[in-house]
């Protein structure tokens, strides 16, 4: 009886081993098939042919145009945050993503930056938004001398929903904030220092410009706060702990985000972004200049520092294998200054 029992047990172990082996084979086949499907359907987007903005072609020699080549696996993005419906873009950023090097550079363009174009008498870049997204892309491309591959326009409600989806974000508020505006139904009160912010609170912090007594900071300071808070939110969203929330992220994206990327492009960039080190892989800066400029009768315009802007473009945004030159950018000089 003991011998028969041992033989039966041995046969069961053999069958179990065969079952496990078959299951492993099937699982391996599924993994291989999934990987093959990923490779087929989720590929790096095609890099556009080397080019600079059409409107600036006349300013660059044919020889210089021929020398322009795009770096491999480097894409550029226009990031826009819309305001409460007055026709202007509240936040304007340009990002370059170097997938190979796992590096992202983000430059914020102050909303009052001077532009001089035929499409409008209004000389501030945020006015381009009222003419449509294609106009904003063209204007930013013309200003910085680089192509824009994709745009991402985010409704302000997406920011609130995203922060709430990741259960809030810890952030060091840079200044004491005490501002009340009954006309806009705004009431912003935060102490300087570390705070845990909900979505609505985070929105109030990024909207803050100055206190009722006019202390606080300028538009540039506001932009720097926006960059820092967006970085903190992105770091939490891109953490592996947030993977279970991906369905919620998809819903937010569908409801509040407009982009010209197709689904495979978005999946590709999303999977690559999971491997970004938000501490060392992302650089942010605001274009430098002065905000007391007057141009064509419009006051408090922002004149970019051309030399510094060119240096920042080449350090953080340039998608080409050769430097962006002085002739490729189009930075307007002010007529006068308030001080």
Protein backbone atom coordinates (compact mmCIF):
# COMPACT_ATOMS: atom_id res chain seq x y z
CA UNK A 1 0.00 0.00 0.00
CA UNK A 2 2.85 2.38 0.85
CA UNK A 3 4.54 1.64 -2.50
CA UNK A 4 1.27 2.26 -4.40
CA UNK A 5 0.75 5.52 -2.49
CA UNK A 6 4.28 6.68 -3.33
CA UNK A 7 3.71 5.84 -7.03
CA UNK A 8 0.39 7.75 -7.05
CA UNK A 9 2.08 10.73 -5.38
CA UNK A 10 4.90 10.63 -7.89
CA UNK A 11 2.41 10.63 -10.80
CA UNK A 12 0.58 13.61 -9.23
CA UNK A 13 3.85 15.49 -8.87
CA UNK A 14 4.72 14.77 -12.50
CA UNK A 15 1.29 15.97 -13.64
CA UNK A 16 1.59 19.07 -11.43
CA UNK A 17 5.04 19.75 -12.84
CA UNK A 18 3.73 19.38 -16.40
CA UNK A 19 0.82 21.71 -15.55
CA UNK A 20 3.15 24.33 -14.10
CA UNK A 21 5.41 23.98 -17.14
CA UNK A 22 2.46 24.42 -19.51
CA UNK A 23 1.25 27.43 -17.55
CA UNK A 24 4.73 28.94 -17.66
CA UNK A 25 4.91 28.39 -21.41
CA UNK A 26 1.50 30.03 -21.92
CA UNK A 27 2.45 32.93 -19.65
CA UNK A 28 5.74 33.36 -21.51
CA UNK A 29 3.89 33.37 -24.80
CA UNK A 30 1.50 36.04 -23.50
CA UNK A 31 4.42 38.18 -22.30
CA UNK A 32 6.22 37.80 -25.63
CA UNK A 33 3.03 38.63 -27.54
CA UNK A 34 2.37 41.66 -25.35
CA UNK A 35 5.93 42.87 -25.81
CA UNK A 36 5.68 42.34 -29.56
CA UNK A 37 2.41 44.26 -29.64
CA UNK A 38 4.00 47.06 -27.63
CA UNK A 39 6.91 47.21 -30.09
CA UNK A 40 4.54 47.24 -33.08
CA UNK A 41 1.93 49.70 -31.85
CA UNK A 42 3.80 51.86 -29.32
CA UNK A 43 6.78 53.21 -31.15
CA UNK A 44 8.67 56.48 -30.79
CA UNK A 45 6.85 59.17 -32.81
CA UNK A 46 8.48 60.12 -36.08
CA UNK A 47 10.86 63.06 -35.84
CA UNK A 48 9.80 65.83 -38.19
CA UNK A 49 12.25 66.83 -40.95
CA UNK A 50 14.76 69.47 -39.88
CA UNK A 51 13.10 72.85 -40.10
CA UNK A 52 12.76 76.21 -38.43
CA UNK A 53 9.57 78.25 -38.32
CA UNK A 54 8.29 79.14 -41.80
CA UNK A 55 7.97 82.79 -40.88
CA UNK A 56 11.67 83.02 -40.10
CA UNK A 57 13.06 81.18 -43.11
CA UNK A 58 13.86 84.43 -44.88
CA UNK A 59 16.22 85.39 -42.06
CA UNK A 60 18.40 82.30 -42.30
CA UNK A 61 20.65 81.44 -45.21
CA UNK A 62 20.00 78.36 -47.31
CA UNK A 63 23.34 76.92 -46.24
CA UNK A 64 22.43 77.26 -42.57
CA UNK A 65 19.02 75.63 -43.18
CA UNK A 66 20.71 72.66 -44.82
CA UNK A 67 22.96 72.23 -41.79
CA UNK A 68 20.05 71.85 -39.35
CA UNK A 69 19.59 68.26 -38.19
CA UNK A 70 17.35 66.99 -35.42
CA UNK A 71 18.83 65.04 -32.53
CA UNK A 72 17.61 61.46 -32.27
CA UNK A 73 14.69 60.82 -29.89
CA UNK A 74 14.32 64.47 -28.90
CA UNK A 75 10.88 66.10 -29.07
CA UNK A 76 9.53 69.56 -28.29
CA UNK A 77 6.22 70.44 -26.64
CA UNK A 78 4.20 73.60 -26.14
CA UNK A 79 2.43 73.49 -22.77
CA UNK A 80 -0.49 75.86 -22.22
CA UNK A 81 -2.64 76.42 -19.17
CA UNK A 82 -5.87 78.24 -19.95
CA UNK A 83 -7.33 80.93 -17.71
CA UNK A 84 -10.94 81.69 -16.82
CA UNK A 85 -12.06 82.43 -20.35
CA UNK A 86 -10.73 85.89 -21.25
CA UNK A 87 -9.08 84.53 -24.40
CA UNK A 88 -5.48 84.47 -23.18
CA UNK A 89 -3.16 81.68 -22.13
CA UNK A 90 -2.48 81.95 -18.39
CA UNK A 91 0.62 79.74 -18.48
CA UNK A 92 2.95 79.26 -21.43
CA UNK A 93 5.87 76.82 -21.32
CA UNK A 94 8.07 75.04 -23.86
CA UNK A 95 9.59 71.66 -23.04
CA UNK A 96 12.15 69.49 -24.78
CA UNK A 97 12.21 65.78 -23.93
CA UNK A 98 15.42 63.86 -24.64
CA UNK A 99 14.25 60.28 -24.24
CA UNK A 100 17.70 58.74 -24.71
CA UNK A 101 19.29 60.85 -22.01
CA UNK A 102 16.15 60.85 -19.83
CA UNK A 103 16.29 64.64 -19.62
CA UNK A 104 13.55 67.26 -19.80
CA UNK A 105 14.13 71.01 -20.11
CA UNK A 106 11.26 73.41 -19.47
CA UNK A 107 11.37 77.15 -20.17
CA UNK A 108 8.48 79.37 -19.09
CA UNK A 109 7.64 82.32 -21.32
CA UNK A 110 6.30 85.30 -19.33
CA UNK A 111 2.79 86.05 -20.57
CA UNK A 112 3.62 89.72 -21.25
CA UNK A 113 6.62 88.93 -23.48
CA UNK A 114 6.82 91.40 -26.39
CA UNK A 115 6.06 90.14 -29.90
CA UNK A 116 5.64 92.17 -33.08
CA UNK A 117 3.51 90.39 -35.65
CA UNK A 118 1.00 91.26 -38.34
CA UNK A 119 -1.80 89.21 -36.76
CA UNK A 120 -2.46 91.74 -33.98
CA UNK A 121 -1.65 95.22 -32.66
CA UNK A 122 -1.53 93.74 -29.14
CA UNK A 123 2.20 93.14 -28.55
CA UNK A 124 2.08 90.55 -25.76
CA UNK A 125 2.50 86.86 -26.54
CA UNK A 126 -0.44 85.67 -24.45
CA UNK A 127 -2.75 87.44 -26.90
CA UNK A 128 -1.91 84.84 -29.56
CA UNK A 129 -4.17 82.32 -27.84
CA UNK A 130 -7.29 84.21 -28.92
CA UNK A 131 -6.21 83.50 -32.53
CA UNK A 132 -6.10 79.72 -32.00
CA UNK A 133 -3.58 77.11 -30.91
CA UNK A 134 -1.84 76.97 -34.29
CA UNK A 135 -1.11 80.69 -33.92
CA UNK A 136 0.39 80.14 -30.47
CA UNK A 137 2.61 77.34 -31.81
CA UNK A 138 3.74 79.52 -34.69
CA UNK A 139 4.44 82.49 -32.42
CA UNK A 140 6.43 80.50 -29.88
CA UNK A 141 8.36 78.75 -32.63
CA UNK A 142 9.12 82.08 -34.30
CA UNK A 143 10.20 83.63 -31.01
CA UNK A 144 12.57 80.83 -29.95
CA UNK A 145 13.80 79.63 -33.35
CA UNK A 146 12.89 75.97 -32.83
CA UNK A 147 10.10 73.73 -34.16
CA UNK A 148 7.24 72.71 -31.87
CA UNK A 149 6.33 69.04 -32.37
CA UNK A 150 3.25 68.83 -30.15
CA UNK A 151 1.01 71.01 -28.03
CA UNK A 152 -0.71 70.15 -24.77
CA UNK A 153 -3.46 72.52 -23.61
CA UNK A 154 -4.72 71.95 -20.09
CA UNK A 155 -7.91 73.36 -18.63
CA UNK A 156 -7.39 74.83 -15.19
CA UNK A 157 -9.83 72.26 -13.75
CA UNK A 158 -7.46 69.45 -14.70
CA UNK A 159 -4.87 70.74 -12.27
CA UNK A 160 -7.35 70.65 -9.40
CA UNK A 161 -8.57 67.16 -10.32
CA UNK A 162 -5.02 65.80 -10.74
CA UNK A 163 -3.83 67.03 -7.35
CA UNK A 164 -6.92 65.58 -5.68
CA UNK A 165 -6.43 62.28 -7.54
CA UNK A 166 -2.99 61.85 -5.91
CA UNK A 167 -4.40 62.84 -2.48
CA UNK A 168 -2.83 66.28 -2.41
CA UNK A 169 0.77 67.43 -2.61
CA UNK A 170 3.34 68.68 -0.09
CA UNK A 171 4.76 72.04 -1.17
CA UNK A 172 6.86 74.83 0.31
CA UNK A 173 4.84 78.03 -0.18
CA UNK A 174 7.50 80.66 -1.00
CA UNK A 175 5.87 83.76 0.55
CA UNK A 176 3.06 84.70 2.90
CA UNK A 177 -0.09 84.99 0.79
CA UNK A 178 -2.97 87.25 1.84
CA UNK A 179 -5.19 88.31 -1.01
CA UNK A 180 -8.94 88.85 -1.33
CA UNK A 181 -10.74 89.80 -4.53
CA UNK A 182 -14.56 89.70 -4.31
CA UNK A 183 -14.87 90.44 -8.03
CA UNK A 184 -13.13 87.16 -8.92
CA UNK A 185 -14.35 85.35 -5.81
CA UNK A 186 -10.73 84.85 -4.78
CA UNK A 187 -9.57 84.43 -1.19
CA UNK A 188 -5.95 83.27 -0.92
CA UNK A 189 -4.42 82.95 2.56
CA UNK A 190 -1.34 80.75 3.16
CA UNK A 191 1.68 81.04 5.41
CA UNK A 192 5.17 80.76 4.01
CA UNK A 193 6.58 77.26 4.48
CA UNK A 194 5.65 73.62 3.96
CA UNK A 195 1.95 73.00 3.36
CA UNK A 196 -0.11 70.00 2.30
CA UNK A 197 -2.32 71.31 -0.50
CA UNK A 198 -5.55 69.99 -1.94
CA UNK A 199 -6.31 70.61 -5.61
CA UNK A 200 -8.20 73.86 -4.96
CA UNK A 201 -5.52 75.08 -2.57
CA UNK A 202 -2.77 74.29 -5.09
CA UNK A 203 -4.69 76.28 -7.71
CA UNK A 204 -4.93 79.26 -5.38
CA UNK A 205 -1.18 79.13 -4.73
CA UNK A 206 -0.29 79.11 -8.45
CA UNK A 207 -2.78 81.92 -9.19
CA UNK A 208 -1.36 84.20 -6.49
CA UNK A 209 0.41 87.32 -7.79
CA UNK A 210 0.62 89.70 -4.82
CA UNK A 211 -1.04 90.58 -1.53
CA UNK A 212 -3.65 93.30 -1.14
CA UNK A 213 -0.86 95.58 0.14
CA UNK A 214 1.02 94.84 -3.14
CA UNK A 215 3.77 92.82 -1.41
CA UNK A 216 4.52 89.35 -2.81
CA UNK A 217 6.23 88.85 -6.12
CA UNK A 218 6.11 89.66 -9.84
CA UNK A 219 4.80 87.61 -12.75
CA UNK A 220 8.25 86.00 -12.95
CA UNK A 221 8.06 84.96 -9.30
CA UNK A 222 4.58 83.60 -9.93
CA UNK A 223 5.89 81.58 -12.87
CA UNK A 224 8.69 80.14 -10.73
CA UNK A 225 6.14 79.05 -8.14
CA UNK A 226 4.04 77.45 -10.89
CA UNK A 227 7.10 75.54 -12.13
CA UNK A 228 7.98 74.30 -8.66
CA UNK A 229 4.44 73.20 -7.86
CA UNK A 230 3.96 71.50 -11.24
CA UNK A 231 7.20 69.66 -10.63
CA UNK A 232 6.01 68.48 -7.21
CA UNK A 233 2.71 67.25 -8.69
CA UNK A 234 4.47 65.55 -11.61
CA UNK A 235 6.86 63.79 -9.23
CA UNK A 236 3.91 62.33 -7.34
CA UNK A 237 1.97 61.41 -10.50
CA UNK A 238 4.97 59.67 -12.07
CA UNK A 239 5.83 57.66 -8.96
CA UNK A 240 5.20 53.93 -9.11
CA UNK A 241 2.81 54.32 -6.16
CA UNK A 242 0.47 56.18 -8.52
CA UNK A 243 0.23 53.35 -11.06
CA UNK A 244 -3.05 52.03 -9.50
CA UNK A 245 -4.57 55.47 -10.16
CA UNK A 246 -3.92 55.33 -13.89
CA UNK A 247 -7.62 54.95 -14.74
CA UNK A 248 -8.33 58.19 -12.91
CA UNK A 249 -5.52 59.94 -14.77
CA UNK A 250 -6.95 58.77 -18.08
CA UNK A 251 -10.38 60.19 -17.18
CA UNK A 252 -8.86 63.54 -16.20
CA UNK A 253 -6.86 63.66 -19.41
CA UNK A 254 -9.92 62.90 -21.50
CA UNK A 255 -12.03 65.56 -19.77
CA UNK A 256 -9.63 68.45 -19.49
CA UNK A 257 -6.66 68.06 -21.85
CA UNK A 258 -6.43 68.91 -25.55
CA UNK A 259 -3.44 67.76 -27.60
CA UNK A 260 -2.43 66.93 -31.16
CA UNK A 261 -0.67 63.72 -30.07
CA UNK A 262 -2.35 60.49 -31.07
CA UNK A 263 -2.94 57.63 -28.62
CA UNK A 264 0.22 55.68 -29.46
CA UNK A 265 2.33 58.82 -29.03
CA UNK A 266 0.79 59.49 -25.62
CA UNK A 267 1.33 55.90 -24.48
CA UNK A 268 4.94 56.00 -25.62
CA UNK A 269 5.76 59.22 -23.79
CA UNK A 270 3.82 58.13 -20.69
CA UNK A 271 5.76 54.86 -20.41
CA UNK A 272 9.07 56.64 -20.90
CA UNK A 273 8.18 59.29 -18.32
CA UNK A 274 7.90 56.64 -15.60
CA UNK A 275 11.69 56.33 -15.74
CA UNK A 276 12.39 60.05 -15.37
CA UNK A 277 14.17 61.14 -12.22
CA UNK A 278 12.20 64.27 -11.33
CA UNK A 279 14.98 65.35 -9.01
CA UNK A 280 17.84 65.32 -11.52
CA UNK A 281 16.24 64.71 -14.90
CA UNK A 282 14.04 67.81 -15.14
CA UNK A 283 15.36 71.38 -15.42
CA UNK A 284 13.05 74.39 -15.26
CA UNK A 285 13.65 78.10 -15.73
CA UNK A 286 11.82 81.29 -16.64
CA UNK A 287 13.15 83.34 -19.54
CA UNK A 288 14.95 86.36 -18.16
CA UNK A 289 14.27 90.00 -19.01
CA UNK A 290 12.57 93.10 -17.64
CA UNK A 291 8.87 93.69 -17.11
CA UNK A 292 8.75 97.49 -17.12
CA UNK A 293 8.98 97.84 -20.91
CA UNK A 294 6.74 99.96 -23.12
CA UNK A 295 6.16 98.96 -26.73
CA UNK A 296 3.91 100.70 -29.28
CA UNK A 297 2.03 102.46 -26.50
CA UNK A 298 1.46 99.32 -24.38
CA UNK A 299 3.01 99.47 -20.91
CA UNK A 300 4.33 96.77 -18.57
CA UNK A 301 5.46 94.55 -21.39
CA UNK A 302 8.23 92.00 -20.83
CA UNK A 303 11.40 92.40 -22.90
CA UNK A 304 13.49 89.23 -23.07
CA UNK A 305 17.23 89.41 -22.49
CA UNK A 306 18.34 88.21 -25.92
CA UNK A 307 21.77 86.92 -24.95
CA UNK A 308 20.51 85.00 -21.92
CA UNK A 309 17.47 83.69 -23.81
CA UNK A 310 19.68 82.28 -26.55
CA UNK A 311 21.91 80.63 -23.95
CA UNK A 312 18.87 79.10 -22.20
CA UNK A 313 17.41 77.81 -25.48
CA UNK A 314 20.65 76.04 -26.34
CA UNK A 315 21.11 74.67 -22.82
CA UNK A 316 17.56 73.42 -22.27
CA UNK A 317 15.44 73.32 -25.44
CA UNK A 318 17.52 73.01 -28.59
CA UNK A 319 16.40 69.90 -30.55
CA UNK A 320 19.12 70.36 -33.17
CA UNK A 321 22.63 68.91 -33.34
CA UNK A 322 23.97 72.45 -33.84
CA UNK A 323 23.33 75.60 -31.77
CA UNK A 324 20.35 77.86 -32.30
CA UNK A 325 21.85 81.12 -33.58
CA UNK A 326 21.08 84.77 -33.04
CA UNK A 327 19.49 84.96 -36.51
CA UNK A 328 17.01 82.18 -35.70
CA UNK A 329 15.38 83.83 -32.67
CA UNK A 330 13.10 86.89 -32.89
CA UNK A 331 13.28 88.92 -29.71
CA UNK A 332 11.76 92.40 -29.82
CA UNK A 333 13.44 95.37 -28.15
CA UNK A 334 11.24 97.77 -26.16
CA UNK A 335 10.68 101.41 -27.09
CA UNK A 336 11.26 102.62 -23.55
CA UNK A 337 11.17 101.58 -19.87
CA UNK A 338 9.29 102.78 -16.82
CA UNK A 339 12.50 103.08 -14.77
